[in-house]
Each structure stands twice: as structure tokens, then as C-alpha cells.
Amino acid sequence: MARPRKFDEGRAVDAAMEAFWATGYEATSTQDLCNATGLGRSSIYNTFKSKHDLFERSLARYMERKNGELFELLEGGLPVREKIRALLQRVIDEEFTRYTDGRGCLVVNTCVEVSAHDPSVAASLERDYGVRLEAIRAVIESGQRDGDIAPDKDARTLAHLVIASVGGLRVSARAGADRAALEAVADAALGAF
């Protein structure tokens, strides 16, 4: 008879997510995952089957959390332009206060490190991009109906611009751009609206 698990699987995924986020997929060893989760190798492999499986679950958890934050902002009561500015400002603030260890965004990091040679992860990233794109497109269209955003602008293109701006702000911060430069980029992106 199999012994019951004596650990919280969700906490283990959260701990693994932090480990992958800090050092990336390739640089995170199985021993790093053991140290982060407090689990032995056999528990990790019995529960998650592989490092890759644990990474995919960690990435999914990260996407779920970040998308939850995005949806909460988009569903708020601010005018749409202010919602988009708040989103861009959140990214800038995170880069200079919350993620000062240089970790950036796990999704952006994974796009750069893993997606080109991992079809499963690439498909997950593509799905996530689509979810964010449609949520932002929908809020932009509502802003067009409310008169907050010019009606002659293509909402889907603007949504792509927002996502590209978020990724670009994160990468630029890691490359050494200062807060003032990123604020100017955010303002320029909003100028397209």
C-alpha cells in the first residue's frame, strides 16, 4: 500500500517556482529544487515525474497569479487609459522595488531561455499571451466605446503594444535603463492610444 504524501503539493510548486524564477530552468538543478521545496529527490520525481513537469506546473502557477493581478486591475473602476498606465507603472515599480535581485518576470525569462527549443513550454506561453491579449483588447474596446480611447485605433494592435511594452520595460530594466527612461517609454506607449 502506498504511503500518503506528507507535504503540501501547492507549496512545493510555489517553492519550485521561486527557484526557477531566481535562476532559470537550465541553471536550477534537482538539488536546488530539493533545497527549495524541502523534498527528497524521490518525492519530487514521484509527485512531479520530472524537472520539466515541475517547471511547467511552476510556470502555470506564475501565469495564474500574474494574470489574476492583471484581471483585477483591468476590472477596476479606473478609466481605460489610466488602467493601462497603472499596468505599465506596476511593471516599472516591480523592477525597481520588488524584483531588485534581477529576476524580472518568469514569463519573459522563459520566452528567452526555454521557448525556442521546447514546444510544450512554447505552446503554454502562446496560450498565456492569447489570454492576456484578449483581456487587454476587450478593455481597450470598452475604452473606445466610452470615448477614453480614439475609436479609429485598432484595439488588437494596441493590446499587442501593451504586452510588448511590458516585456520591453522588464528587459530594459535588466539591461540597465533607469526609472526615468522607463517612465518615458510608458508615456510614449500611451501616446499611441
N, C-alpha and C. Protein backbone atom coordinates (compact mmCIF):
# COMPACT_ATOMS: atom_id res chain seq x y z
N MET A 1 0.84 -1.18 0.00
CA MET A 1 0.00 0.00 0.00
C MET A 1 0.89 1.24 0.00
N ALA A 2 0.59 2.18 -0.88
CA ALA A 2 1.39 3.40 -0.98
C ALA A 2 1.18 4.28 0.24
N ARG A 3 2.28 4.91 0.65
CA ARG A 3 2.18 5.83 1.79
C ARG A 3 1.58 7.15 1.31
N PRO A 4 0.74 7.77 2.15
CA PRO A 4 0.17 9.05 1.76
C PRO A 4 1.25 10.15 1.77
N ARG A 5 1.08 11.13 0.92
CA ARG A 5 2.02 12.25 0.88
C ARG A 5 1.90 13.04 2.17
N LYS A 6 3.04 13.50 2.66
CA LYS A 6 3.05 14.27 3.90
C LYS A 6 3.51 15.69 3.63
N PHE A 7 3.21 16.20 2.44
CA PHE A 7 3.59 17.57 2.13
C PHE A 7 2.50 18.21 1.29
N ASP A 8 2.49 19.51 1.29
CA ASP A 8 1.53 20.29 0.53
C ASP A 8 2.08 20.48 -0.88
N GLU A 9 1.46 19.86 -1.84
CA GLU A 9 1.94 19.91 -3.22
C GLU A 9 1.96 21.34 -3.76
N GLY A 10 0.95 22.14 -3.39
CA GLY A 10 0.90 23.53 -3.83
C GLY A 10 2.08 24.33 -3.32
N ARG A 11 2.45 24.10 -2.07
CA ARG A 11 3.61 24.81 -1.51
C ARG A 11 4.89 24.38 -2.21
N ALA A 12 4.97 23.12 -2.54
CA ALA A 12 6.15 22.62 -3.25
C ALA A 12 6.26 23.29 -4.63
N VAL A 13 5.14 23.43 -5.32
CA VAL A 13 5.15 24.10 -6.63
C VAL A 13 5.55 25.57 -6.46
N ASP A 14 5.02 26.22 -5.42
CA ASP A 14 5.38 27.61 -5.16
C ASP A 14 6.88 27.75 -4.90
N ALA A 15 7.43 26.86 -4.10
CA ALA A 15 8.86 26.91 -3.78
C ALA A 15 9.70 26.65 -5.02
N ALA A 16 9.27 25.70 -5.84
CA ALA A 16 9.99 25.42 -7.08
C ALA A 16 9.90 26.61 -8.02
N MET A 17 8.74 27.25 -8.07
CA MET A 17 8.56 28.43 -8.91
C MET A 17 9.59 29.50 -8.52
N GLU A 18 9.76 29.72 -7.23
CA GLU A 18 10.74 30.70 -6.77
C GLU A 18 12.15 30.32 -7.20
N ALA A 19 12.47 29.04 -7.13
CA ALA A 19 13.81 28.58 -7.53
C ALA A 19 14.03 28.78 -9.02
N PHE A 20 13.06 28.37 -9.84
CA PHE A 20 13.18 28.55 -11.28
C PHE A 20 13.24 30.04 -11.64
N TRP A 21 12.44 30.83 -10.96
CA TRP A 21 12.37 32.25 -11.22
C TRP A 21 13.70 32.93 -10.90
N ALA A 22 14.34 32.47 -9.85
CA ALA A 22 15.59 33.09 -9.43
C ALA A 22 16.76 32.78 -10.36
N THR A 23 16.80 31.55 -10.91
CA THR A 23 17.99 31.17 -11.67
C THR A 23 17.70 30.65 -13.08
N GLY A 24 16.45 30.44 -13.42
CA GLY A 24 16.12 29.94 -14.75
C GLY A 24 16.01 28.43 -14.76
N TYR A 25 15.46 27.91 -15.84
CA TYR A 25 15.22 26.47 -15.94
C TYR A 25 16.52 25.68 -15.95
N GLU A 26 17.41 25.99 -16.87
CA GLU A 26 18.63 25.20 -17.03
C GLU A 26 19.52 25.25 -15.79
N ALA A 27 19.64 26.42 -15.17
CA ALA A 27 20.56 26.58 -14.04
C ALA A 27 20.00 26.02 -12.73
N THR A 28 18.73 25.67 -12.71
CA THR A 28 18.13 25.12 -11.49
C THR A 28 18.30 23.60 -11.52
N SER A 29 19.10 23.10 -10.59
CA SER A 29 19.37 21.66 -10.53
C SER A 29 18.29 20.96 -9.72
N THR A 30 18.27 19.66 -9.82
CA THR A 30 17.36 18.88 -8.99
C THR A 30 17.66 19.11 -7.51
N GLN A 31 18.94 19.23 -7.17
CA GLN A 31 19.30 19.51 -5.78
C GLN A 31 18.79 20.87 -5.34
N ASP A 32 18.83 21.86 -6.23
CA ASP A 32 18.26 23.17 -5.92
C ASP A 32 16.77 23.04 -5.61
N LEU A 33 16.09 22.21 -6.39
CA LEU A 33 14.66 22.00 -6.17
C LEU A 33 14.40 21.28 -4.85
N CYS A 34 15.26 20.33 -4.53
CA CYS A 34 15.15 19.65 -3.23
C CYS A 34 15.32 20.65 -2.10
N ASN A 35 16.33 21.50 -2.22
CA ASN A 35 16.59 22.50 -1.19
C ASN A 35 15.43 23.48 -1.07
N ALA A 36 14.90 23.91 -2.19
CA ALA A 36 13.81 24.90 -2.18
C ALA A 36 12.52 24.33 -1.60
N THR A 37 12.21 23.09 -1.98
CA THR A 37 10.93 22.50 -1.57
C THR A 37 11.00 21.76 -0.24
N GLY A 38 12.22 21.40 0.15
CA GLY A 38 12.36 20.58 1.35
C GLY A 38 12.05 19.12 1.10
N LEU A 39 11.92 18.74 -0.16
CA LEU A 39 11.59 17.36 -0.53
C LEU A 39 12.83 16.63 -0.99
N GLY A 40 12.81 15.33 -0.86
CA GLY A 40 13.86 14.50 -1.40
C GLY A 40 13.63 14.26 -2.89
N ARG A 41 14.67 13.79 -3.56
CA ARG A 41 14.56 13.53 -5.00
C ARG A 41 13.41 12.58 -5.32
N SER A 42 13.28 11.53 -4.53
CA SER A 42 12.23 10.55 -4.84
C SER A 42 10.85 11.18 -4.71
N SER A 43 10.66 12.04 -3.72
CA SER A 43 9.35 12.70 -3.58
C SER A 43 9.08 13.62 -4.76
N ILE A 44 10.11 14.33 -5.20
CA ILE A 44 9.93 15.22 -6.35
C ILE A 44 9.57 14.40 -7.59
N TYR A 45 10.33 13.33 -7.85
CA TYR A 45 10.07 12.57 -9.07
C TYR A 45 8.80 11.73 -8.97
N ASN A 46 8.44 11.27 -7.79
CA ASN A 46 7.19 10.51 -7.64
C ASN A 46 5.98 11.41 -7.83
N THR A 47 6.10 12.66 -7.39
CA THR A 47 4.97 13.58 -7.47
C THR A 47 4.91 14.30 -8.80
N PHE A 48 6.05 14.78 -9.29
CA PHE A 48 6.06 15.65 -10.46
C PHE A 48 6.63 14.99 -11.71
N LYS A 49 7.11 13.78 -11.60
CA LYS A 49 7.60 12.97 -12.72
C LYS A 49 8.95 13.43 -13.27
N SER A 50 9.16 14.75 -13.38
CA SER A 50 10.43 15.24 -13.94
C SER A 50 10.62 16.70 -13.56
N LYS A 51 11.83 17.15 -13.74
CA LYS A 51 12.12 18.58 -13.55
C LYS A 51 11.26 19.40 -14.51
N HIS A 52 11.12 18.92 -15.73
CA HIS A 52 10.34 19.64 -16.74
C HIS A 52 8.88 19.77 -16.32
N ASP A 53 8.30 18.69 -15.82
CA ASP A 53 6.92 18.71 -15.36
C ASP A 53 6.76 19.72 -14.22
N LEU A 54 7.68 19.70 -13.28
CA LEU A 54 7.62 20.64 -12.16
C LEU A 54 7.79 22.07 -12.67
N PHE A 55 8.65 22.28 -13.65
CA PHE A 55 8.81 23.61 -14.23
C PHE A 55 7.51 24.07 -14.89
N GLU A 56 6.90 23.21 -15.67
CA GLU A 56 5.65 23.60 -16.34
C GLU A 56 4.56 23.93 -15.33
N ARG A 57 4.49 23.18 -14.26
CA ARG A 57 3.49 23.49 -13.23
C ARG A 57 3.83 24.79 -12.51
N SER A 58 5.11 25.04 -12.30
CA SER A 58 5.55 26.28 -11.67
C SER A 58 5.24 27.48 -12.57
N LEU A 59 5.51 27.33 -13.85
CA LEU A 59 5.22 28.40 -14.81
C LEU A 59 3.71 28.67 -14.87
N ALA A 60 2.92 27.61 -14.87
CA ALA A 60 1.46 27.77 -14.89
C ALA A 60 0.98 28.51 -13.64
N ARG A 61 1.57 28.19 -12.50
CA ARG A 61 1.20 28.86 -11.25
C ARG A 61 1.55 30.35 -11.34
N TYR A 62 2.73 30.65 -11.85
CA TYR A 62 3.15 32.04 -12.00
C TYR A 62 2.19 32.79 -12.93
N MET A 63 1.87 32.19 -14.07
CA MET A 63 0.96 32.83 -15.02
C MET A 63 -0.40 33.08 -14.38
N GLU A 64 -0.89 32.12 -13.64
CA GLU A 64 -2.18 32.25 -12.97
C GLU A 64 -2.16 33.45 -12.02
N ARG A 65 -1.12 33.58 -11.24
CA ARG A 65 -1.02 34.69 -10.28
C ARG A 65 -0.90 36.03 -10.99
N LYS A 66 0.00 36.12 -11.97
CA LYS A 66 0.20 37.39 -12.65
C LYS A 66 -1.05 37.78 -13.45
N ASN A 67 -1.71 36.81 -14.07
CA ASN A 67 -2.93 37.12 -14.80
C ASN A 67 -4.04 37.54 -13.84
N GLY A 68 -4.08 36.95 -12.66
CA GLY A 68 -5.05 37.38 -11.65
C GLY A 68 -4.85 38.85 -11.29
N GLU A 69 -3.60 39.25 -11.13
CA GLU A 69 -3.30 40.66 -10.84
C GLU A 69 -3.72 41.55 -12.01
N LEU A 70 -3.44 41.09 -13.23
CA LEU A 70 -3.81 41.85 -14.42
C LEU A 70 -5.33 42.00 -14.51
N PHE A 71 -6.06 40.91 -14.36
CA PHE A 71 -7.51 40.95 -14.49
C PHE A 71 -8.13 41.84 -13.41
N GLU A 72 -7.58 41.78 -12.22
CA GLU A 72 -8.09 42.64 -11.14
C GLU A 72 -7.93 44.11 -11.52
N LEU A 73 -6.78 44.46 -12.06
CA LEU A 73 -6.55 45.84 -12.50
C LEU A 73 -7.50 46.22 -13.63
N LEU A 74 -7.63 45.35 -14.62
CA LEU A 74 -8.48 45.65 -15.78
C LEU A 74 -9.95 45.75 -15.41
N GLU A 75 -10.37 45.04 -14.38
CA GLU A 75 -11.78 45.06 -13.97
C GLU A 75 -12.08 46.21 -13.02
N GLY A 76 -11.07 46.94 -12.59
CA GLY A 76 -11.25 48.05 -11.65
C GLY A 76 -12.01 49.21 -12.27
N GLY A 77 -12.23 50.24 -11.47
CA GLY A 77 -13.08 51.35 -11.88
C GLY A 77 -12.38 52.49 -12.58
N LEU A 78 -11.09 52.40 -12.80
CA LEU A 78 -10.37 53.49 -13.48
C LEU A 78 -10.76 53.59 -14.94
N PRO A 79 -10.62 54.78 -15.54
CA PRO A 79 -10.75 54.87 -16.99
C PRO A 79 -9.67 54.01 -17.65
N VAL A 80 -9.93 53.56 -18.86
CA VAL A 80 -9.06 52.57 -19.51
C VAL A 80 -7.63 53.07 -19.67
N ARG A 81 -7.43 54.30 -20.10
CA ARG A 81 -6.06 54.82 -20.25
C ARG A 81 -5.32 54.76 -18.92
N GLU A 82 -6.02 55.06 -17.84
CA GLU A 82 -5.39 55.01 -16.51
C GLU A 82 -5.08 53.57 -16.10
N LYS A 83 -5.92 52.64 -16.52
CA LYS A 83 -5.65 51.22 -16.25
C LYS A 83 -4.36 50.78 -16.95
N ILE A 84 -4.23 51.17 -18.21
CA ILE A 84 -3.03 50.79 -18.97
C ILE A 84 -1.80 51.46 -18.36
N ARG A 85 -1.92 52.72 -17.99
CA ARG A 85 -0.78 53.42 -17.36
C ARG A 85 -0.44 52.76 -16.02
N ALA A 86 -1.47 52.37 -15.26
CA ALA A 86 -1.22 51.70 -13.97
C ALA A 86 -0.52 50.36 -14.19
N LEU A 87 -0.88 49.65 -15.25
CA LEU A 87 -0.22 48.38 -15.56
C LEU A 87 1.26 48.61 -15.86
N LEU A 88 1.55 49.58 -16.71
CA LEU A 88 2.94 49.87 -17.06
C LEU A 88 3.71 50.37 -15.83
N GLN A 89 3.05 51.19 -15.01
CA GLN A 89 3.70 51.69 -13.80
C GLN A 89 3.99 50.55 -12.83
N ARG A 90 3.09 49.60 -12.75
CA ARG A 90 3.30 48.45 -11.87
C ARG A 90 4.57 47.70 -12.28
N VAL A 91 4.74 47.52 -13.58
CA VAL A 91 5.94 46.84 -14.09
C VAL A 91 7.20 47.61 -13.69
N ILE A 92 7.17 48.92 -13.91
CA ILE A 92 8.33 49.75 -13.56
C ILE A 92 8.62 49.66 -12.07
N ASP A 93 7.57 49.80 -11.26
CA ASP A 93 7.76 49.75 -9.80
C ASP A 93 8.30 48.40 -9.36
N GLU A 94 7.78 47.32 -9.95
CA GLU A 94 8.29 45.99 -9.59
C GLU A 94 9.77 45.86 -9.89
N GLU A 95 10.17 46.35 -11.03
CA GLU A 95 11.57 46.22 -11.43
C GLU A 95 12.51 46.99 -10.51
N PHE A 96 12.03 48.09 -9.93
CA PHE A 96 12.91 48.90 -9.09
C PHE A 96 12.69 48.74 -7.60
N THR A 97 11.65 48.00 -7.20
CA THR A 97 11.43 47.80 -5.77
C THR A 97 11.26 46.33 -5.40
N ARG A 98 10.45 45.62 -6.14
CA ARG A 98 10.12 44.24 -5.77
C ARG A 98 11.13 43.23 -6.29
N TYR A 99 11.60 43.40 -7.50
CA TYR A 99 12.50 42.43 -8.12
C TYR A 99 13.91 42.99 -8.25
N THR A 100 14.41 43.56 -7.19
CA THR A 100 15.73 44.19 -7.25
C THR A 100 16.85 43.16 -7.34
N ASP A 101 16.51 41.89 -7.21
CA ASP A 101 17.52 40.83 -7.34
C ASP A 101 17.77 40.47 -8.81
N GLY A 102 17.11 41.17 -9.73
CA GLY A 102 17.34 40.95 -11.15
C GLY A 102 16.54 39.82 -11.75
N ARG A 103 15.62 39.25 -11.00
CA ARG A 103 14.88 38.10 -11.53
C ARG A 103 13.90 38.46 -12.63
N GLY A 104 13.41 39.66 -12.65
CA GLY A 104 12.49 40.07 -13.70
C GLY A 104 11.19 39.31 -13.67
N CYS A 105 10.74 38.87 -14.81
CA CYS A 105 9.46 38.18 -14.99
C CYS A 105 9.72 36.75 -15.45
N LEU A 106 9.13 35.79 -14.80
CA LEU A 106 9.35 34.39 -15.18
C LEU A 106 8.86 34.11 -16.60
N VAL A 107 7.78 34.74 -17.01
CA VAL A 107 7.28 34.52 -18.37
C VAL A 107 8.27 35.08 -19.40
N VAL A 108 8.73 36.30 -19.19
CA VAL A 108 9.70 36.89 -20.11
C VAL A 108 10.99 36.06 -20.12
N ASN A 109 11.45 35.68 -18.94
CA ASN A 109 12.67 34.88 -18.86
C ASN A 109 12.52 33.55 -19.60
N THR A 110 11.36 32.93 -19.45
CA THR A 110 11.11 31.65 -20.10
C THR A 110 11.00 31.80 -21.61
N CYS A 111 10.40 32.90 -22.07
CA CYS A 111 10.34 33.16 -23.51
C CYS A 111 11.75 33.19 -24.09
N VAL A 112 12.66 33.83 -23.38
CA VAL A 112 14.03 33.98 -23.87
C VAL A 112 14.82 32.68 -23.73
N GLU A 113 14.70 32.04 -22.57
CA GLU A 113 15.56 30.88 -22.28
C GLU A 113 15.06 29.56 -22.85
N VAL A 114 13.77 29.32 -22.79
CA VAL A 114 13.27 27.96 -23.00
C VAL A 114 12.42 27.78 -24.26
N SER A 115 11.60 28.76 -24.60
CA SER A 115 10.55 28.53 -25.60
C SER A 115 11.07 28.12 -26.98
N ALA A 116 12.23 28.60 -27.38
CA ALA A 116 12.72 28.29 -28.73
C ALA A 116 13.02 26.82 -28.94
N HIS A 117 13.30 26.08 -27.87
CA HIS A 117 13.65 24.66 -28.04
C HIS A 117 12.75 23.72 -27.24
N ASP A 118 11.60 24.24 -26.78
CA ASP A 118 10.68 23.41 -26.00
C ASP A 118 9.25 23.68 -26.47
N PRO A 119 8.73 22.86 -27.38
CA PRO A 119 7.40 23.10 -27.94
C PRO A 119 6.28 23.13 -26.90
N SER A 120 6.38 22.33 -25.87
CA SER A 120 5.34 22.30 -24.85
C SER A 120 5.29 23.63 -24.09
N VAL A 121 6.46 24.12 -23.69
CA VAL A 121 6.52 25.40 -22.99
C VAL A 121 6.12 26.52 -23.94
N ALA A 122 6.56 26.46 -25.19
CA ALA A 122 6.19 27.48 -26.18
C ALA A 122 4.68 27.55 -26.35
N ALA A 123 4.02 26.40 -26.38
CA ALA A 123 2.56 26.37 -26.51
C ALA A 123 1.89 26.98 -25.28
N SER A 124 2.41 26.71 -24.12
CA SER A 124 1.87 27.29 -22.89
C SER A 124 2.03 28.81 -22.88
N LEU A 125 3.19 29.28 -23.30
CA LEU A 125 3.43 30.72 -23.38
C LEU A 125 2.50 31.37 -24.40
N GLU A 126 2.29 30.69 -25.52
CA GLU A 126 1.40 31.22 -26.56
C GLU A 126 -0.04 31.33 -26.04
N ARG A 127 -0.50 30.31 -25.32
CA ARG A 127 -1.85 30.35 -24.74
C ARG A 127 -1.97 31.52 -23.75
N ASP A 128 -0.95 31.66 -22.90
CA ASP A 128 -0.96 32.73 -21.92
C ASP A 128 -0.98 34.09 -22.60
N TYR A 129 -0.18 34.25 -23.64
CA TYR A 129 -0.16 35.51 -24.39
C TYR A 129 -1.56 35.81 -24.93
N GLY A 130 -2.21 34.78 -25.48
CA GLY A 130 -3.55 34.96 -26.03
C GLY A 130 -4.56 35.40 -24.99
N VAL A 131 -4.46 34.83 -23.80
CA VAL A 131 -5.38 35.20 -22.71
C VAL A 131 -5.18 36.68 -22.35
N ARG A 132 -3.93 37.08 -22.18
CA ARG A 132 -3.65 38.48 -21.83
C ARG A 132 -4.05 39.41 -22.97
N LEU A 133 -3.76 39.01 -24.20
CA LEU A 133 -4.10 39.83 -25.35
C LEU A 133 -5.60 40.10 -25.41
N GLU A 134 -6.39 39.06 -25.26
CA GLU A 134 -7.84 39.23 -25.35
C GLU A 134 -8.40 40.06 -24.20
N ALA A 135 -7.86 39.89 -23.00
CA ALA A 135 -8.32 40.69 -21.86
C ALA A 135 -8.01 42.17 -22.08
N ILE A 136 -6.83 42.46 -22.54
CA ILE A 136 -6.44 43.85 -22.78
C ILE A 136 -7.21 44.43 -23.97
N ARG A 137 -7.37 43.63 -25.03
CA ARG A 137 -8.15 44.08 -26.19
C ARG A 137 -9.57 44.45 -25.78
N ALA A 138 -10.19 43.61 -24.97
CA ALA A 138 -11.57 43.85 -24.53
C ALA A 138 -11.68 45.15 -23.74
N VAL A 139 -10.71 45.40 -22.86
CA VAL A 139 -10.78 46.63 -22.07
C VAL A 139 -10.51 47.85 -22.94
N ILE A 140 -9.64 47.72 -23.92
CA ILE A 140 -9.39 48.83 -24.85
C ILE A 140 -10.66 49.13 -25.65
N GLU A 141 -11.34 48.10 -26.11
CA GLU A 141 -12.59 48.31 -26.85
C GLU A 141 -13.63 49.00 -25.97
N SER A 142 -13.67 48.64 -24.69
CA SER A 142 -14.61 49.31 -23.80
C SER A 142 -14.22 50.79 -23.64
N GLY A 143 -12.92 51.07 -23.63
CA GLY A 143 -12.46 52.45 -23.57
C GLY A 143 -12.82 53.22 -24.83
N GLN A 144 -12.83 52.53 -25.96
CA GLN A 144 -13.24 53.18 -27.20
C GLN A 144 -14.73 53.52 -27.17
N ARG A 145 -15.53 52.61 -26.62
CA ARG A 145 -16.97 52.87 -26.50
C ARG A 145 -17.24 54.02 -25.54
N ASP A 146 -16.41 54.15 -24.50
CA ASP A 146 -16.58 55.21 -23.50
C ASP A 146 -15.97 56.54 -23.93
N GLY A 147 -15.25 56.54 -25.05
CA GLY A 147 -14.62 57.76 -25.52
C GLY A 147 -13.27 58.06 -24.89
N ASP A 148 -12.73 57.12 -24.12
CA ASP A 148 -11.43 57.32 -23.46
C ASP A 148 -10.27 57.04 -24.40
N ILE A 149 -10.53 56.22 -25.43
CA ILE A 149 -9.51 55.86 -26.42
C ILE A 149 -10.08 56.13 -27.80
N ALA A 150 -9.22 56.65 -28.66
CA ALA A 150 -9.66 57.01 -30.02
C ALA A 150 -10.30 55.81 -30.71
N PRO A 151 -11.47 56.00 -31.29
CA PRO A 151 -12.18 54.88 -31.93
C PRO A 151 -11.54 54.40 -33.23
N ASP A 152 -10.66 55.19 -33.82
CA ASP A 152 -10.04 54.79 -35.07
C ASP A 152 -8.81 53.90 -34.87
N LYS A 153 -8.43 53.66 -33.63
CA LYS A 153 -7.27 52.81 -33.33
C LYS A 153 -7.69 51.35 -33.34
N ASP A 154 -6.80 50.47 -33.78
CA ASP A 154 -7.08 49.05 -33.76
C ASP A 154 -6.82 48.49 -32.37
N ALA A 155 -7.86 48.03 -31.70
CA ALA A 155 -7.75 47.60 -30.31
C ALA A 155 -6.79 46.42 -30.15
N ARG A 156 -6.80 45.52 -31.09
CA ARG A 156 -5.90 44.36 -31.01
C ARG A 156 -4.44 44.79 -31.13
N THR A 157 -4.16 45.70 -32.04
CA THR A 157 -2.80 46.20 -32.19
C THR A 157 -2.36 46.92 -30.92
N LEU A 158 -3.24 47.72 -30.35
CA LEU A 158 -2.89 48.40 -29.09
C LEU A 158 -2.65 47.40 -27.97
N ALA A 159 -3.41 46.32 -27.94
CA ALA A 159 -3.21 45.29 -26.92
C ALA A 159 -1.84 44.63 -27.10
N HIS A 160 -1.46 44.35 -28.35
CA HIS A 160 -0.12 43.83 -28.62
C HIS A 160 0.94 44.83 -28.14
N LEU A 161 0.70 46.10 -28.38
CA LEU A 161 1.64 47.14 -27.95
C LEU A 161 1.80 47.14 -26.44
N VAL A 162 0.71 46.99 -25.71
CA VAL A 162 0.79 46.95 -24.25
C VAL A 162 1.64 45.77 -23.80
N ILE A 163 1.40 44.60 -24.35
CA ILE A 163 2.16 43.42 -23.96
C ILE A 163 3.64 43.57 -24.32
N ALA A 164 3.90 44.10 -25.53
CA ALA A 164 5.29 44.32 -25.94
C ALA A 164 5.95 45.35 -25.04
N SER A 165 5.21 46.36 -24.63
CA SER A 165 5.76 47.38 -23.74
C SER A 165 6.11 46.79 -22.38
N VAL A 166 5.24 45.95 -21.86
CA VAL A 166 5.51 45.30 -20.57
C VAL A 166 6.81 44.49 -20.66
N GLY A 167 6.92 43.64 -21.68
CA GLY A 167 8.13 42.84 -21.85
C GLY A 167 9.36 43.71 -22.06
N GLY A 168 9.21 44.73 -22.89
CA GLY A 168 10.32 45.63 -23.17
C GLY A 168 10.77 46.39 -21.94
N LEU A 169 9.82 46.83 -21.12
CA LEU A 169 10.19 47.52 -19.88
C LEU A 169 10.99 46.60 -18.97
N ARG A 170 10.55 45.35 -18.87
CA ARG A 170 11.24 44.40 -18.00
C ARG A 170 12.67 44.14 -18.50
N VAL A 171 12.81 43.90 -19.78
CA VAL A 171 14.13 43.62 -20.34
C VAL A 171 15.02 44.87 -20.24
N SER A 172 14.47 46.03 -20.53
CA SER A 172 15.25 47.26 -20.46
C SER A 172 15.73 47.54 -19.04
N ALA A 173 14.88 47.27 -18.05
CA ALA A 173 15.30 47.46 -16.66
C ALA A 173 16.48 46.55 -16.32
N ARG A 174 16.42 45.32 -16.78
CA ARG A 174 17.52 44.38 -16.51
C ARG A 174 18.78 44.76 -17.26
N ALA A 175 18.62 45.47 -18.37
CA ALA A 175 19.78 45.90 -19.16
C ALA A 175 20.38 47.21 -18.65
N GLY A 176 19.75 47.80 -17.63
CA GLY A 176 20.33 48.98 -17.01
C GLY A 176 19.60 50.28 -17.21
N ALA A 177 18.48 50.28 -17.93
CA ALA A 177 17.72 51.52 -18.10
C ALA A 177 17.22 51.99 -16.73
N ASP A 178 17.27 53.29 -16.50
CA ASP A 178 16.82 53.80 -15.21
C ASP A 178 15.32 54.06 -15.21
N ARG A 179 14.81 54.39 -14.04
CA ARG A 179 13.38 54.60 -13.88
C ARG A 179 12.86 55.69 -14.80
N ALA A 180 13.59 56.79 -14.93
CA ALA A 180 13.15 57.90 -15.78
C ALA A 180 13.00 57.45 -17.23
N ALA A 181 13.93 56.66 -17.71
CA ALA A 181 13.85 56.16 -19.09
C ALA A 181 12.62 55.28 -19.27
N LEU A 182 12.35 54.42 -18.29
CA LEU A 182 11.19 53.53 -18.40
C LEU A 182 9.88 54.30 -18.30
N GLU A 183 9.85 55.32 -17.46
CA GLU A 183 8.65 56.17 -17.36
C GLU A 183 8.39 56.84 -18.71
N ALA A 184 9.44 57.30 -19.37
CA ALA A 184 9.29 57.93 -20.68
C ALA A 184 8.78 56.94 -21.72
N VAL A 185 9.26 55.70 -21.65
CA VAL A 185 8.77 54.65 -22.56
C VAL A 185 7.28 54.41 -22.33
N ALA A 186 6.88 54.32 -21.07
CA ALA A 186 5.46 54.09 -20.74
C ALA A 186 4.61 55.25 -21.29
N ASP A 187 5.09 56.47 -21.12
CA ASP A 187 4.36 57.62 -21.63
C ASP A 187 4.25 57.57 -23.16
N ALA A 188 5.34 57.19 -23.82
CA ALA A 188 5.33 57.10 -25.27
C ALA A 188 4.35 56.02 -25.75
N ALA A 189 4.33 54.89 -25.05
CA ALA A 189 3.39 53.82 -25.41
C ALA A 189 1.96 54.32 -25.29
N LEU A 190 1.66 55.06 -24.23
CA LEU A 190 0.31 55.59 -24.06
C LEU A 190 -0.03 56.62 -25.12
N GLY A 191 0.98 57.27 -25.67
CA GLY A 191 0.74 58.23 -26.75
C GLY A 191 0.09 57.59 -27.97
N ALA A 192 0.27 56.30 -28.13
CA ALA A 192 -0.33 55.58 -29.27
C ALA A 192 -1.84 55.43 -29.12
N PHE A 193 -2.34 55.67 -27.92
CA PHE A 193 -3.76 55.49 -27.68
C PHE A 193 -4.57 56.71 -28.09
